[in-house]
Amino acid sequence: SGCGKSTTAETLLGLHRPTDGQVRFDNEDVHKLHDSDRKAFTRRAQIVFQDPSSSLDPRMTIGETIREPLDAHSATTKNEREERVGELLERVGLSADQMDRYPHEFSGGQQQRVGIARALALDPEFIVLDEPTSALDVSVQAQILNLLSDIQEEFGLTYLFISHDLSVVRHLCD
């Protein structure tokens, strides 16, 4: 606790500047990318935060939350983006019918599923999982870990999995 795991994750994604050294992704320094290259990098690298309730905007529906990166990056139509949001909700074990609900209407595990769907929205190659199960009940942790494992295999993702729980690391990492 307090050793800088989350700060390291956010630095890797370019959300914090390193005090020294470089962060390289495909041989490019993440912190020296120009605007168009930074935008391309954010399509390829995403994050799932530790606390799902604090990572979701309470004023936005979950559909808006998941669609936000698509709106910022995508050239597709609004209808195609809405369809994508519905597909992502279904993929993470929620219903597309829940798109118009707000985060407070969901349990912690369901909120984390929304966070996972948001991270998947842009078809990234790399996802930082910053203690994605530490704020969840033990019974829900296993469900989320299994979902993450299935998604990793299905989409061919690379994960940087941050956790202080070695049994969780053992379960998910290879």
C-alpha atoms as a PDB file:
ATOM      1  CA  SER A   1       0.000   0.000   0.000  1.00  0.00           C
ATOM      2  CA  GLY A   2       1.283   3.412  -0.934  1.00  0.00           C
ATOM      3  CA  CYS A   3       4.321   2.197  -2.877  1.00  0.00           C
ATOM      4  CA  GLY A   4       3.315   3.847  -6.165  1.00  0.00           C
ATOM      5  CA  LYS A   5       1.620   1.056  -8.123  1.00  0.00           C
ATOM      6  CA  SER A   6      -1.182   3.282  -9.421  1.00  0.00           C
ATOM      7  CA  THR A   7       1.174   6.174 -10.104  1.00  0.00           C
ATOM      8  CA  THR A   8       3.389   3.817 -12.109  1.00  0.00           C
ATOM      9  CA  ALA A   9       0.382   2.616 -14.114  1.00  0.00           C
ATOM     10  CA  GLU A  10      -0.762   6.155 -14.839  1.00  0.00           C
ATOM     11  CA  THR A  11       2.790   7.158 -15.804  1.00  0.00           C
ATOM     12  CA  LEU A  12       2.976   4.228 -18.236  1.00  0.00           C
ATOM     13  CA  LEU A  13      -0.165   5.511 -19.942  1.00  0.00           C
ATOM     14  CA  GLY A  14       1.070   9.094 -20.108  1.00  0.00           C
ATOM     15  CA  LEU A  15      -1.300  10.425 -17.445  1.00  0.00           C
ATOM     16  CA  HIS A  16       1.644  11.476 -15.234  1.00  0.00           C
ATOM     17  CA  ARG A  17       5.067  12.669 -16.318  1.00  0.00           C
ATOM     18  CA  PRO A  18       7.979  10.556 -15.121  1.00  0.00           C
ATOM     19  CA  THR A  19      10.495  12.248 -12.877  1.00  0.00           C
ATOM     20  CA  ASP A  20      13.247  10.370 -14.684  1.00  0.00           C
ATOM     21  CA  GLY A  21      13.617   7.876 -17.506  1.00  0.00           C
ATOM     22  CA  GLN A  22      11.320   7.035 -20.381  1.00  0.00           C
ATOM     23  CA  VAL A  23       8.171   5.076 -21.052  1.00  0.00           C
ATOM     24  CA  ARG A  24       8.385   3.420 -24.447  1.00  0.00           C
ATOM     25  CA  PHE A  25       5.537   1.755 -26.337  1.00  0.00           C
ATOM     26  CA  ASP A  26       6.446   0.245 -29.721  1.00  0.00           C
ATOM     27  CA  ASN A  27       9.779   2.037 -29.413  1.00  0.00           C
ATOM     28  CA  GLU A  28       8.110   5.472 -29.045  1.00  0.00           C
ATOM     29  CA  ASP A  29       8.527   7.617 -25.940  1.00  0.00           C
ATOM     30  CA  VAL A  30       4.940   7.983 -24.684  1.00  0.00           C
ATOM     31  CA  HIS A  31       5.704  11.335 -23.088  1.00  0.00           C
ATOM     32  CA  LYS A  32       7.109  12.868 -26.283  1.00  0.00           C
ATOM     33  CA  LEU A  33       4.237  11.951 -28.600  1.00  0.00           C
ATOM     34  CA  HIS A  34       2.635  14.757 -30.593  1.00  0.00           C
ATOM     35  CA  ASP A  35      -1.143  15.215 -30.461  1.00  0.00           C
ATOM     36  CA  SER A  36      -2.094  12.894 -33.325  1.00  0.00           C
ATOM     37  CA  ASP A  37       0.334  10.209 -32.143  1.00  0.00           C
ATOM     38  CA  ARG A  38      -0.912  10.568 -28.546  1.00  0.00           C
ATOM     39  CA  LYS A  39      -4.476  10.069 -29.747  1.00  0.00           C
ATOM     40  CA  ALA A  40      -3.395   6.938 -31.624  1.00  0.00           C
ATOM     41  CA  PHE A  41      -1.607   5.690 -28.502  1.00  0.00           C
ATOM     42  CA  THR A  42      -4.726   6.158 -26.363  1.00  0.00           C
ATOM     43  CA  ARG A  43      -6.652   3.973 -28.806  1.00  0.00           C
ATOM     44  CA  ARG A  44      -4.100   1.220 -28.298  1.00  0.00           C
ATOM     45  CA  ALA A  45      -3.605   1.460 -24.523  1.00  0.00           C
ATOM     46  CA  GLN A  46      -6.356   1.681 -21.914  1.00  0.00           C
ATOM     47  CA  ILE A  47      -6.826   1.281 -18.157  1.00  0.00           C
ATOM     48  CA  VAL A  48      -9.279  -0.328 -15.767  1.00  0.00           C
ATOM     49  CA  PHE A  49      -9.115   1.505 -12.461  1.00  0.00           C
ATOM     50  CA  GLN A  50      -9.075   0.028  -8.981  1.00  0.00           C
ATOM     51  CA  ASP A  51     -12.272   1.565  -7.640  1.00  0.00           C
ATOM     52  CA  PRO A  52     -15.104   1.313 -10.132  1.00  0.00           C
ATOM     53  CA  SER A  53     -17.407   3.702  -8.267  1.00  0.00           C
ATOM     54  CA  SER A  54     -14.907   6.566  -8.307  1.00  0.00           C
ATOM     55  CA  SER A  55     -13.861   5.965 -11.928  1.00  0.00           C
ATOM     56  CA  LEU A  56     -17.392   6.424 -13.300  1.00  0.00           C
ATOM     57  CA  ASP A  57     -18.980   9.870 -13.664  1.00  0.00           C
ATOM     58  CA  PRO A  58     -22.214   9.764 -11.619  1.00  0.00           C
ATOM     59  CA  ARG A  59     -23.838  12.293 -13.998  1.00  0.00           C
ATOM     60  CA  MET A  60     -23.352  10.110 -17.064  1.00  0.00           C
ATOM     61  CA  THR A  61     -25.308   6.992 -17.935  1.00  0.00           C
ATOM     62  CA  ILE A  62     -23.205   3.901 -18.400  1.00  0.00           C
ATOM     63  CA  GLY A  63     -23.993   4.038 -22.102  1.00  0.00           C
ATOM     64  CA  GLU A  64     -22.567   7.561 -22.299  1.00  0.00           C
ATOM     65  CA  THR A  65     -19.541   6.464 -20.274  1.00  0.00           C
ATOM     66  CA  ILE A  66     -18.734   3.602 -22.624  1.00  0.00           C
ATOM     67  CA  ARG A  67     -19.530   5.649 -25.739  1.00  0.00           C
ATOM     68  CA  GLU A  68     -17.345   8.612 -24.688  1.00  0.00           C
ATOM     69  CA  PRO A  69     -14.056   7.177 -26.062  1.00  0.00           C
ATOM     70  CA  LEU A  70     -15.867   6.161 -29.248  1.00  0.00           C
ATOM     71  CA  ASP A  71     -17.201   9.703 -29.643  1.00  0.00           C
ATOM     72  CA  ALA A  72     -13.714  11.137 -29.132  1.00  0.00           C
ATOM     73  CA  HIS A  73     -11.926   8.756 -31.515  1.00  0.00           C
ATOM     74  CA  SER A  74     -14.356   7.240 -33.928  1.00  0.00           C
ATOM     75  CA  ALA A  75     -15.492   8.216 -37.377  1.00  0.00           C
ATOM     76  CA  THR A  76     -18.461   5.843 -37.203  1.00  0.00           C
ATOM     77  CA  THR A  77     -22.039   7.024 -37.010  1.00  0.00           C
ATOM     78  CA  LYS A  78     -23.876   7.585 -33.743  1.00  0.00           C
ATOM     79  CA  ASN A  79     -26.035   4.518 -34.415  1.00  0.00           C
ATOM     80  CA  GLU A  80     -22.929   2.358 -34.932  1.00  0.00           C
ATOM     81  CA  ARG A  81     -21.444   3.681 -31.688  1.00  0.00           C
ATOM     82  CA  GLU A  82     -24.689   2.906 -29.830  1.00  0.00           C
ATOM     83  CA  GLU A  83     -24.652  -0.605 -31.279  1.00  0.00           C
ATOM     84  CA  ARG A  84     -21.025  -1.032 -30.174  1.00  0.00           C
ATOM     85  CA  VAL A  85     -21.921   0.051 -26.624  1.00  0.00           C
ATOM     86  CA  GLY A  86     -24.706  -2.533 -26.525  1.00  0.00           C
ATOM     87  CA  GLU A  87     -22.330  -5.248 -27.769  1.00  0.00           C
ATOM     88  CA  LEU A  88     -19.729  -4.318 -25.149  1.00  0.00           C
ATOM     89  CA  LEU A  89     -22.293  -4.382 -22.341  1.00  0.00           C
ATOM     90  CA  GLU A  90     -23.424  -7.828 -23.425  1.00  0.00           C
ATOM     91  CA  ARG A  91     -19.800  -9.022 -23.715  1.00  0.00           C
ATOM     92  CA  VAL A  92     -18.992  -8.066 -20.125  1.00  0.00           C
ATOM     93  CA  GLY A  93     -22.097  -9.755 -18.755  1.00  0.00           C
ATOM     94  CA  LEU A  94     -24.521  -6.844 -18.566  1.00  0.00           C
ATOM     95  CA  SER A  95     -27.564  -6.139 -20.709  1.00  0.00           C
ATOM     96  CA  ALA A  96     -27.729  -3.590 -23.523  1.00  0.00           C
ATOM     97  CA  ASP A  97     -31.077  -2.599 -21.990  1.00  0.00           C
ATOM     98  CA  GLN A  98     -29.147  -1.147 -19.027  1.00  0.00           C
ATOM     99  CA  MET A  99     -27.444   1.480 -21.195  1.00  0.00           C
ATOM    100  CA  ASP A 100     -29.571   4.352 -19.831  1.00  0.00           C
ATOM    101  CA  ARG A 101     -28.935   3.577 -16.170  1.00  0.00           C
ATOM    102  CA  TYR A 102     -26.542   5.477 -13.912  1.00  0.00           C
ATOM    103  CA  PRO A 103     -23.551   4.052 -12.029  1.00  0.00           C
ATOM    104  CA  HIS A 104     -25.237   4.236  -8.608  1.00  0.00           C
ATOM    105  CA  GLU A 105     -27.848   1.784  -9.865  1.00  0.00           C
ATOM    106  CA  PHE A 106     -25.204  -0.947 -10.175  1.00  0.00           C
ATOM    107  CA  SER A 107     -23.276  -3.083  -7.704  1.00  0.00           C
ATOM    108  CA  GLY A 108     -19.490  -2.759  -7.458  1.00  0.00           C
ATOM    109  CA  GLY A 109     -18.954  -5.785  -9.677  1.00  0.00           C
ATOM    110  CA  GLN A 110     -21.354  -4.440 -12.289  1.00  0.00           C
ATOM    111  CA  GLN A 111     -19.625  -1.048 -12.159  1.00  0.00           C
ATOM    112  CA  GLN A 112     -16.291  -2.759 -12.765  1.00  0.00           C
ATOM    113  CA  ARG A 113     -17.833  -4.522 -15.763  1.00  0.00           C
ATOM    114  CA  VAL A 114     -18.771  -1.077 -17.100  1.00  0.00           C
ATOM    115  CA  GLY A 115     -15.153   0.028 -16.597  1.00  0.00           C
ATOM    116  CA  ILE A 116     -13.949  -3.027 -18.498  1.00  0.00           C
ATOM    117  CA  ALA A 117     -16.403  -2.335 -21.338  1.00  0.00           C
ATOM    118  CA  ARG A 118     -15.163   1.267 -21.501  1.00  0.00           C
ATOM    119  CA  ALA A 119     -11.556   0.041 -21.704  1.00  0.00           C
ATOM    120  CA  LEU A 120     -12.491  -2.308 -24.567  1.00  0.00           C
ATOM    121  CA  ALA A 121     -14.414   0.315 -26.551  1.00  0.00           C
ATOM    122  CA  LEU A 122     -11.515   1.325 -28.806  1.00  0.00           C
ATOM    123  CA  ASP A 123     -10.198  -2.221 -29.383  1.00  0.00           C
ATOM    124  CA  PRO A 124      -6.937  -1.641 -27.516  1.00  0.00           C
ATOM    125  CA  GLU A 125      -3.916  -3.923 -27.641  1.00  0.00           C
ATOM    126  CA  PHE A 126      -2.761  -3.181 -24.106  1.00  0.00           C
ATOM    127  CA  ILE A 127      -4.770  -2.702 -20.915  1.00  0.00           C
ATOM    128  CA  VAL A 128      -3.436  -1.709 -17.529  1.00  0.00           C
ATOM    129  CA  LEU A 129      -5.475  -3.410 -14.817  1.00  0.00           C
ATOM    130  CA  ASP A 130      -4.832  -1.391 -11.678  1.00  0.00           C
ATOM    131  CA  GLU A 131      -5.978  -3.710  -8.876  1.00  0.00           C
ATOM    132  CA  PRO A 132      -9.281  -4.275 -10.692  1.00  0.00           C
ATOM    133  CA  THR A 133     -10.701  -6.610  -8.031  1.00  0.00           C
ATOM    134  CA  SER A 134      -9.410  -5.155  -4.762  1.00  0.00           C
ATOM    135  CA  ALA A 135     -12.573  -3.097  -4.122  1.00  0.00           C
ATOM    136  CA  LEU A 136     -14.892  -6.062  -4.800  1.00  0.00           C
ATOM    137  CA  ASP A 137     -16.346  -8.854  -2.690  1.00  0.00           C
ATOM    138  CA  VAL A 138     -14.407 -12.127  -2.888  1.00  0.00           C
ATOM    139  CA  SER A 139     -17.256 -13.889  -4.724  1.00  0.00           C
ATOM    140  CA  VAL A 140     -17.380 -11.137  -7.343  1.00  0.00           C
ATOM    141  CA  GLN A 141     -13.581 -11.044  -7.660  1.00  0.00           C
ATOM    142  CA  ALA A 142     -13.520 -14.517  -9.199  1.00  0.00           C
ATOM    143  CA  GLN A 143     -16.199 -13.567 -11.728  1.00  0.00           C
ATOM    144  CA  ILE A 144     -14.279 -10.462 -12.799  1.00  0.00           C
ATOM    145  CA  LEU A 145     -10.979 -12.366 -13.006  1.00  0.00           C
ATOM    146  CA  ASN A 146     -12.595 -15.038 -15.171  1.00  0.00           C
ATOM    147  CA  LEU A 147     -14.115 -12.332 -17.384  1.00  0.00           C
ATOM    148  CA  LEU A 148     -10.718 -10.642 -17.755  1.00  0.00           C
ATOM    149  CA  SER A 149      -9.091 -13.960 -18.623  1.00  0.00           C
ATOM    150  CA  ASP A 150     -11.745 -14.745 -21.248  1.00  0.00           C
ATOM    151  CA  ILE A 151     -11.508 -11.261 -22.768  1.00  0.00           C
ATOM    152  CA  GLN A 152      -7.722 -11.420 -22.903  1.00  0.00           C
ATOM    153  CA  GLU A 153      -7.860 -14.649 -24.862  1.00  0.00           C
ATOM    154  CA  GLU A 154     -10.737 -13.548 -27.096  1.00  0.00           C
ATOM    155  CA  PHE A 155      -9.225 -10.182 -28.072  1.00  0.00           C
ATOM    156  CA  GLY A 156      -5.528 -11.115 -27.895  1.00  0.00           C
ATOM    157  CA  LEU A 157      -4.823  -8.443 -25.285  1.00  0.00           C
ATOM    158  CA  THR A 158      -1.681  -7.730 -23.355  1.00  0.00           C
ATOM    159  CA  TYR A 159      -2.335  -6.892 -19.701  1.00  0.00           C
ATOM    160  CA  LEU A 160      -0.226  -5.153 -17.145  1.00  0.00           C
ATOM    161  CA  PHE A 161      -1.892  -6.546 -14.036  1.00  0.00           C
ATOM    162  CA  ILE A 162      -1.212  -4.670 -10.808  1.00  0.00           C
ATOM    163  CA  SER A 163      -2.131  -6.335  -7.544  1.00  0.00           C
ATOM    164  CA  HIS A 164      -0.851  -6.855  -4.048  1.00  0.00           C
ATOM    165  CA  ASP A 165      -2.671 -10.211  -3.850  1.00  0.00           C
ATOM    166  CA  LEU A 166      -0.349 -12.908  -5.191  1.00  0.00           C
ATOM    167  CA  SER A 167      -3.132 -15.493  -5.436  1.00  0.00           C
ATOM    168  CA  VAL A 168      -4.979 -13.152  -7.795  1.00  0.00           C
ATOM    169  CA  VAL A 169      -1.796 -12.618  -9.815  1.00  0.00           C
ATOM    170  CA  ARG A 170      -1.276 -16.384  -9.984  1.00  0.00           C
ATOM    171  CA  HIS A 171      -4.838 -16.880 -11.226  1.00  0.00           C
ATOM    172  CA  LEU A 172      -4.665 -14.352 -14.064  1.00  0.00           C
ATOM    173  CA  CYS A 173      -1.058 -14.138 -15.176  1.00  0.00           C
ATOM    174  CA  ASP A 174       0.960 -16.559 -17.231  1.00  0.00           C
END
